[in-house]
Amino acid sequence: MWELLQIWILLLNLQNVGTITNLDFTVKSLKCGTITNLRFYS
């Protein structure tokens, strides 16, 4: 779980994703473990 969180934080820092909508989608993606969808959306 921590590895996914680190990837999520890294993506936020690299892509500057800061809206609540994107953040909510990212959290849902991480909960499902869909890293591919997360990268696609970002």
PDB file of N, CA and C in Angstrom:
ATOM      1  N   MET A   1       0.832  -1.197   0.000  1.00  0.00           N
ATOM      2  CA  MET A   1       0.000   0.000   0.000  1.00  0.00           C
ATOM      3  C   MET A   1       0.874   1.257   0.000  1.00  0.00           C
ATOM      4  N   TRP A   2       1.947   1.211   0.788  1.00  0.00           N
ATOM      5  CA  TRP A   2       2.823   2.386   0.864  1.00  0.00           C
ATOM      6  C   TRP A   2       3.507   2.644  -0.463  1.00  0.00           C
ATOM      7  N   GLU A   3       3.815   1.565  -1.195  1.00  0.00           N
ATOM      8  CA  GLU A   3       4.455   1.734  -2.499  1.00  0.00           C
ATOM      9  C   GLU A   3       3.515   2.466  -3.450  1.00  0.00           C
ATOM     10  N   LEU A   4       2.236   2.116  -3.418  1.00  0.00           N
ATOM     11  CA  LEU A   4       1.253   2.786  -4.272  1.00  0.00           C
ATOM     12  C   LEU A   4       1.132   4.252  -3.886  1.00  0.00           C
ATOM     13  N   LEU A   5       1.167   4.518  -2.588  1.00  0.00           N
ATOM     14  CA  LEU A   5       1.060   5.900  -2.109  1.00  0.00           C
ATOM     15  C   LEU A   5       2.251   6.723  -2.581  1.00  0.00           C
ATOM     16  N   GLN A   6       3.433   6.123  -2.546  1.00  0.00           N
ATOM     17  CA  GLN A   6       4.635   6.823  -3.000  1.00  0.00           C
ATOM     18  C   GLN A   6       4.545   7.122  -4.487  1.00  0.00           C
ATOM     19  N   ILE A   7       4.049   6.164  -5.273  1.00  0.00           N
ATOM     20  CA  ILE A   7       3.879   6.370  -6.716  1.00  0.00           C
ATOM     21  C   ILE A   7       2.877   7.495  -6.954  1.00  0.00           C
ATOM     22  N   TRP A   8       1.794   7.493  -6.172  1.00  0.00           N
ATOM     23  CA  TRP A   8       0.759   8.520  -6.301  1.00  0.00           C
ATOM     24  C   TRP A   8       1.333   9.901  -6.018  1.00  0.00           C
ATOM     25  N   ILE A   9       2.097  10.017  -4.946  1.00  0.00           N
ATOM     26  CA  ILE A   9       2.711  11.301  -4.592  1.00  0.00           C
ATOM     27  C   ILE A   9       3.688  11.741  -5.674  1.00  0.00           C
ATOM     28  N   LEU A  10       4.453  10.789  -6.201  1.00  0.00           N
ATOM     29  CA  LEU A  10       5.416  11.097  -7.253  1.00  0.00           C
ATOM     30  C   LEU A  10       4.704  11.625  -8.490  1.00  0.00           C
ATOM     31  N   LEU A  11       3.599  10.979  -8.863  1.00  0.00           N
ATOM     32  CA  LEU A  11       2.835  11.426 -10.027  1.00  0.00           C
ATOM     33  C   LEU A  11       2.260  12.816  -9.796  1.00  0.00           C
ATOM     34  N   LEU A  12       1.787  13.077  -8.590  1.00  0.00           N
ATOM     35  CA  LEU A  12       1.243  14.401  -8.281  1.00  0.00           C
ATOM     36  C   LEU A  12       2.319  15.463  -8.426  1.00  0.00           C
ATOM     37  N   ASN A  13       3.511  15.157  -7.950  1.00  0.00           N
ATOM     38  CA  ASN A  13       4.610  16.118  -8.015  1.00  0.00           C
ATOM     39  C   ASN A  13       5.063  16.340  -9.451  1.00  0.00           C
ATOM     40  N   LEU A  14       5.125  15.273 -10.237  1.00  0.00           N
ATOM     41  CA  LEU A  14       5.613  15.383 -11.611  1.00  0.00           C
ATOM     42  C   LEU A  14       4.590  16.031 -12.532  1.00  0.00           C
ATOM     43  N   GLN A  15       3.321  15.720 -12.329  1.00  0.00           N
ATOM     44  CA  GLN A  15       2.293  16.160 -13.270  1.00  0.00           C
ATOM     45  C   GLN A  15       1.512  17.369 -12.746  1.00  0.00           C
ATOM     46  N   ASN A  16       1.782  17.756 -11.493  1.00  0.00           N
ATOM     47  CA  ASN A  16       1.085  18.897 -10.896  1.00  0.00           C
ATOM     48  C   ASN A  16      -0.428  18.712 -10.927  1.00  0.00           C
ATOM     49  N   VAL A  17      -0.881  17.517 -10.578  1.00  0.00           N
ATOM     50  CA  VAL A  17      -2.317  17.252 -10.520  1.00  0.00           C
ATOM     51  C   VAL A  17      -2.826  17.766  -9.181  1.00  0.00           C
ATOM     52  N   GLY A  18      -3.645  18.810  -9.207  1.00  0.00           N
ATOM     53  CA  GLY A  18      -4.038  19.423  -7.949  1.00  0.00           C
ATOM     54  C   GLY A  18      -5.526  19.603  -7.741  1.00  0.00           C
ATOM     55  N   THR A  19      -6.364  19.221  -8.704  1.00  0.00           N
ATOM     56  CA  THR A  19      -7.799  19.420  -8.529  1.00  0.00           C
ATOM     57  C   THR A  19      -8.402  18.312  -7.688  1.00  0.00           C
ATOM     58  N   ILE A  20      -9.494  18.617  -7.024  1.00  0.00           N
ATOM     59  CA  ILE A  20     -10.156  17.636  -6.167  1.00  0.00           C
ATOM     60  C   ILE A  20     -10.648  16.452  -6.997  1.00  0.00           C
ATOM     61  N   THR A  21     -11.125  16.714  -8.193  1.00  0.00           N
ATOM     62  CA  THR A  21     -11.627  15.645  -9.052  1.00  0.00           C
ATOM     63  C   THR A  21     -10.520  14.664  -9.394  1.00  0.00           C
ATOM     64  N   ASN A  22      -9.377  15.186  -9.822  1.00  0.00           N
ATOM     65  CA  ASN A  22      -8.251  14.320 -10.156  1.00  0.00           C
ATOM     66  C   ASN A  22      -7.766  13.558  -8.934  1.00  0.00           C
ATOM     67  N   LEU A  23      -7.737  14.237  -7.791  1.00  0.00           N
ATOM     68  CA  LEU A  23      -7.286  13.612  -6.555  1.00  0.00           C
ATOM     69  C   LEU A  23      -8.219  12.479  -6.162  1.00  0.00           C
ATOM     70  N   ASP A  24      -9.522  12.711  -6.257  1.00  0.00           N
ATOM     71  CA  ASP A  24     -10.509  11.695  -5.914  1.00  0.00           C
ATOM     72  C   ASP A  24     -10.370  10.491  -6.831  1.00  0.00           C
ATOM     73  N   PHE A  25     -10.195  10.736  -8.119  1.00  0.00           N
ATOM     74  CA  PHE A  25     -10.037   9.651  -9.082  1.00  0.00           C
ATOM     75  C   PHE A  25      -8.769   8.859  -8.789  1.00  0.00           C
ATOM     76  N   THR A  26      -7.713   9.567  -8.436  1.00  0.00           N
ATOM     77  CA  THR A  26      -6.434   8.922  -8.135  1.00  0.00           C
ATOM     78  C   THR A  26      -6.562   7.999  -6.935  1.00  0.00           C
ATOM     79  N   VAL A  27      -7.232   8.477  -5.891  1.00  0.00           N
ATOM     80  CA  VAL A  27      -7.420   7.666  -4.687  1.00  0.00           C
ATOM     81  C   VAL A  27      -8.216   6.412  -5.012  1.00  0.00           C
ATOM     82  N   LYS A  28      -9.284   6.548  -5.799  1.00  0.00           N
ATOM     83  CA  LYS A  28     -10.092   5.394  -6.181  1.00  0.00           C
ATOM     84  C   LYS A  28      -9.272   4.412  -7.001  1.00  0.00           C
ATOM     85  N   SER A  29      -8.422   4.933  -7.881  1.00  0.00           N
ATOM     86  CA  SER A  29      -7.584   4.078  -8.712  1.00  0.00           C
ATOM     87  C   SER A  29      -6.604   3.292  -7.855  1.00  0.00           C
ATOM     88  N   LEU A  30      -6.015   3.957  -6.874  1.00  0.00           N
ATOM     89  CA  LEU A  30      -5.052   3.289  -6.001  1.00  0.00           C
ATOM     90  C   LEU A  30      -5.735   2.215  -5.161  1.00  0.00           C
ATOM     91  N   LYS A  31      -6.954   2.486  -4.725  1.00  0.00           N
ATOM     92  CA  LYS A  31      -7.685   1.507  -3.922  1.00  0.00           C
ATOM     93  C   LYS A  31      -7.961   0.252  -4.735  1.00  0.00           C
ATOM     94  N   CYS A  32      -8.151   0.425  -6.040  1.00  0.00           N
ATOM     95  CA  CYS A  32      -8.414  -0.709  -6.919  1.00  0.00           C
ATOM     96  C   CYS A  32      -7.108  -1.315  -7.426  1.00  0.00           C
ATOM     97  N   GLY A  33      -6.010  -0.606  -7.200  1.00  0.00           N
ATOM     98  CA  GLY A  33      -4.717  -1.097  -7.639  1.00  0.00           C
ATOM     99  C   GLY A  33      -4.511  -0.965  -9.132  1.00  0.00           C
ATOM    100  N   THR A  34      -5.215  -0.021  -9.759  1.00  0.00           N
ATOM    101  CA  THR A  34      -5.121   0.128 -11.209  1.00  0.00           C
ATOM    102  C   THR A  34      -4.125   1.219 -11.563  1.00  0.00           C
ATOM    103  N   ILE A  35      -2.848   0.863 -11.499  1.00  0.00           N
ATOM    104  CA  ILE A  35      -1.798   1.833 -11.794  1.00  0.00           C
ATOM    105  C   ILE A  35      -1.862   2.258 -13.257  1.00  0.00           C
ATOM    106  N   THR A  36      -2.231   1.330 -14.138  1.00  0.00           N
ATOM    107  CA  THR A  36      -2.314   1.638 -15.565  1.00  0.00           C
ATOM    108  C   THR A  36      -3.344   2.733 -15.818  1.00  0.00           C
ATOM    109  N   ASN A  37      -4.506   2.616 -15.198  1.00  0.00           N
ATOM    110  CA  ASN A  37      -5.546   3.626 -15.355  1.00  0.00           C
ATOM    111  C   ASN A  37      -5.099   4.954 -14.777  1.00  0.00           C
ATOM    112  N   LEU A  38      -4.352   4.898 -13.688  1.00  0.00           N
ATOM    113  CA  LEU A  38      -3.861   6.114 -13.051  1.00  0.00           C
ATOM    114  C   LEU A  38      -2.931   6.862 -13.995  1.00  0.00           C
ATOM    115  N   ARG A  39      -2.014   6.135 -14.624  1.00  0.00           N
ATOM    116  CA  ARG A  39      -1.072   6.749 -15.549  1.00  0.00           C
ATOM    117  C   ARG A  39      -1.799   7.284 -16.772  1.00  0.00           C
ATOM    118  N   PHE A  40      -2.779   6.534 -17.249  1.00  0.00           N
ATOM    119  CA  PHE A  40      -3.536   6.952 -18.425  1.00  0.00           C
ATOM    120  C   PHE A  40      -4.292   8.243 -18.134  1.00  0.00           C
ATOM    121  N   TYR A  41      -4.910   8.318 -16.958  1.00  0.00           N
ATOM    122  CA  TYR A  41      -5.693   9.489 -16.591  1.00  0.00           C
ATOM    123  C   TYR A  41      -4.801  10.705 -16.381  1.00  0.00           C
ATOM    124  N   SER A  42      -3.644  10.477 -15.783  1.00  0.00           N
ATOM    125  CA  SER A  42      -2.727  11.576 -15.512  1.00  0.00           C
ATOM    126  C   SER A  42      -2.127  12.090 -16.810  1.00  0.00           C
TER     127      SER A  42
END
